[in-house]
Amino acid sequence: MINTNLIKNFFEGKVKLWKSYWLVGELLNGIVLLIIFNLEIYIFNTNSSVAQIPFLDFTNLTSISKIFIFIWTIFISIGIWRAAETYKGNIIWIVLTFIIVAYRCYSLRLIFFI
């Protein structure tokens, strides 16, 4: 069972910045996106072209998957942003984190409008 305190601590920004960004924002996010992409292929029979697999075409996803990706991205972005706000190290890592998280949220428009 997932420890709810860990999820709560992440969302509140109480997890260290490197753990929030690298473990949740990159590793776990990549795994979740691959799971969603594979569910689309095997359950909903979308994105079934082999040529698209290396590039992960998210424009043909079902609405359920798009909404889940939207909510998931907002959740991890808030957790990473709050972790960056409480970070006590070099300011450059905070600024870079803010830029990357802002771009991640901005790029969500691509799954809905293209």
Protein backbone atom coordinates (compact mmCIF):
# COMPACT_ATOMS: atom_id res chain seq x y z
CA MET A 1 0.00 0.00 0.00
CA ILE A 2 1.25 3.47 -0.88
CA ASN A 3 2.11 5.59 2.10
CA THR A 4 -0.27 8.57 1.95
CA ASN A 5 2.13 10.66 4.03
CA LEU A 6 4.69 10.36 1.23
CA ILE A 7 2.19 11.63 -1.33
CA LYS A 8 1.08 14.42 1.01
CA ASN A 9 4.69 15.40 1.76
CA PHE A 10 5.48 15.50 -1.96
CA PHE A 11 2.47 17.66 -2.75
CA GLU A 12 3.30 20.05 0.09
CA GLY A 13 6.91 20.38 -1.07
CA LYS A 14 8.45 18.70 1.96
CA VAL A 15 10.44 16.24 -0.17
CA LYS A 16 13.94 17.31 -1.22
CA LEU A 17 14.13 19.04 -4.57
CA TRP A 18 16.33 16.43 -6.24
CA LYS A 19 13.97 13.63 -5.19
CA SER A 20 10.92 15.57 -6.33
CA TYR A 21 12.38 16.45 -9.69
CA TRP A 22 14.36 13.35 -10.64
CA LEU A 23 12.39 10.55 -8.99
CA VAL A 24 8.84 11.84 -9.37
CA GLY A 25 9.10 14.46 -12.12
CA GLU A 26 11.25 12.45 -14.48
CA LEU A 27 11.38 8.75 -13.57
CA LEU A 28 7.85 8.20 -12.25
CA ASN A 29 6.39 10.58 -14.82
CA GLY A 30 8.07 8.64 -17.64
CA ILE A 31 6.77 5.35 -16.30
CA VAL A 32 3.22 6.72 -15.98
CA LEU A 33 3.30 8.10 -19.53
CA LEU A 34 4.55 4.77 -20.91
CA ILE A 35 1.79 2.92 -19.05
CA ILE A 36 -0.84 5.29 -20.47
CA PHE A 37 0.60 4.93 -23.96
CA ASN A 38 0.56 1.12 -23.70
CA LEU A 39 -2.99 1.10 -22.34
CA GLU A 40 -4.03 3.16 -25.33
CA ILE A 41 -2.48 0.63 -27.66
CA TYR A 42 -3.77 -2.54 -26.00
CA ILE A 43 -7.16 -1.47 -24.63
CA PHE A 44 -8.36 1.37 -26.83
CA ASN A 45 -6.44 0.30 -29.97
CA THR A 46 -5.14 3.80 -30.70
CA ASN A 47 -1.59 4.74 -31.68
CA SER A 48 -1.13 1.23 -33.01
CA SER A 49 1.31 2.19 -35.72
CA VAL A 50 4.78 0.78 -35.03
CA ALA A 51 6.42 3.84 -36.60
CA GLN A 52 4.98 6.09 -33.88
CA ILE A 53 6.27 4.16 -30.87
CA PRO A 54 9.70 5.81 -30.67
CA PHE A 55 8.13 9.26 -30.73
CA LEU A 56 5.09 8.62 -28.50
CA ASP A 57 2.35 10.45 -30.37
CA PHE A 58 0.00 11.77 -27.68
CA THR A 59 -2.33 13.62 -30.05
CA ASN A 60 -4.47 10.51 -30.71
CA LEU A 61 -5.15 9.67 -27.07
CA THR A 62 -8.66 9.18 -25.75
CA SER A 63 -10.20 11.94 -23.68
CA ILE A 64 -9.86 9.90 -20.48
CA SER A 65 -6.12 9.58 -20.97
CA LYS A 66 -5.73 13.25 -21.83
CA ILE A 67 -7.58 14.30 -18.70
CA PHE A 68 -5.50 11.91 -16.57
CA ILE A 69 -2.26 13.24 -18.06
CA PHE A 70 -3.45 16.81 -17.42
CA ILE A 71 -4.26 16.10 -13.75
CA TRP A 72 -1.06 14.07 -13.25
CA THR A 73 1.10 16.81 -14.75
CA ILE A 74 -0.49 19.51 -12.61
CA PHE A 75 -0.03 17.34 -9.49
CA ILE A 76 3.67 16.67 -10.06
CA SER A 77 4.29 20.26 -11.15
CA ILE A 78 2.82 21.62 -7.93
CA GLY A 79 4.90 19.20 -5.84
CA ILE A 80 8.14 20.06 -7.66
CA TRP A 81 7.40 23.80 -7.59
CA ARG A 82 6.78 23.74 -3.84
CA ALA A 83 9.96 21.71 -3.28
CA ALA A 84 11.89 24.34 -5.24
CA GLU A 85 10.38 27.09 -3.09
CA THR A 86 11.69 25.42 0.09
CA TYR A 87 15.10 24.56 -1.40
CA LYS A 88 17.98 26.10 0.57
CA GLY A 89 20.77 25.64 -1.99
CA ASN A 90 22.03 27.57 -4.99
CA ILE A 91 19.50 29.91 -6.61
CA ILE A 92 20.33 28.63 -10.11
CA TRP A 93 18.70 25.26 -9.36
CA ILE A 94 15.55 26.98 -8.18
CA VAL A 95 15.33 29.15 -11.30
CA LEU A 96 16.02 26.21 -13.64
CA THR A 97 13.38 24.13 -11.87
CA PHE A 98 10.81 26.91 -12.21
CA ILE A 99 11.57 27.25 -15.93
CA ILE A 100 11.29 23.51 -16.57
CA VAL A 101 8.08 23.11 -14.58
CA ALA A 102 6.51 26.13 -16.27
CA TYR A 103 7.42 24.75 -19.69
CA ARG A 104 5.98 21.34 -18.76
CA CYS A 105 2.66 22.95 -17.87
CA TYR A 106 2.74 25.14 -20.97
CA SER A 107 3.34 22.13 -23.21
CA LEU A 108 0.13 20.46 -21.97
CA ARG A 109 -1.72 22.46 -24.60
CA LEU A 110 -0.21 20.21 -27.26
CA ILE A 111 -2.23 17.15 -26.25
CA PHE A 112 -5.51 19.07 -26.55
CA PHE A 113 -5.07 21.45 -29.47
CA ILE A 114 -2.93 19.74 -32.08
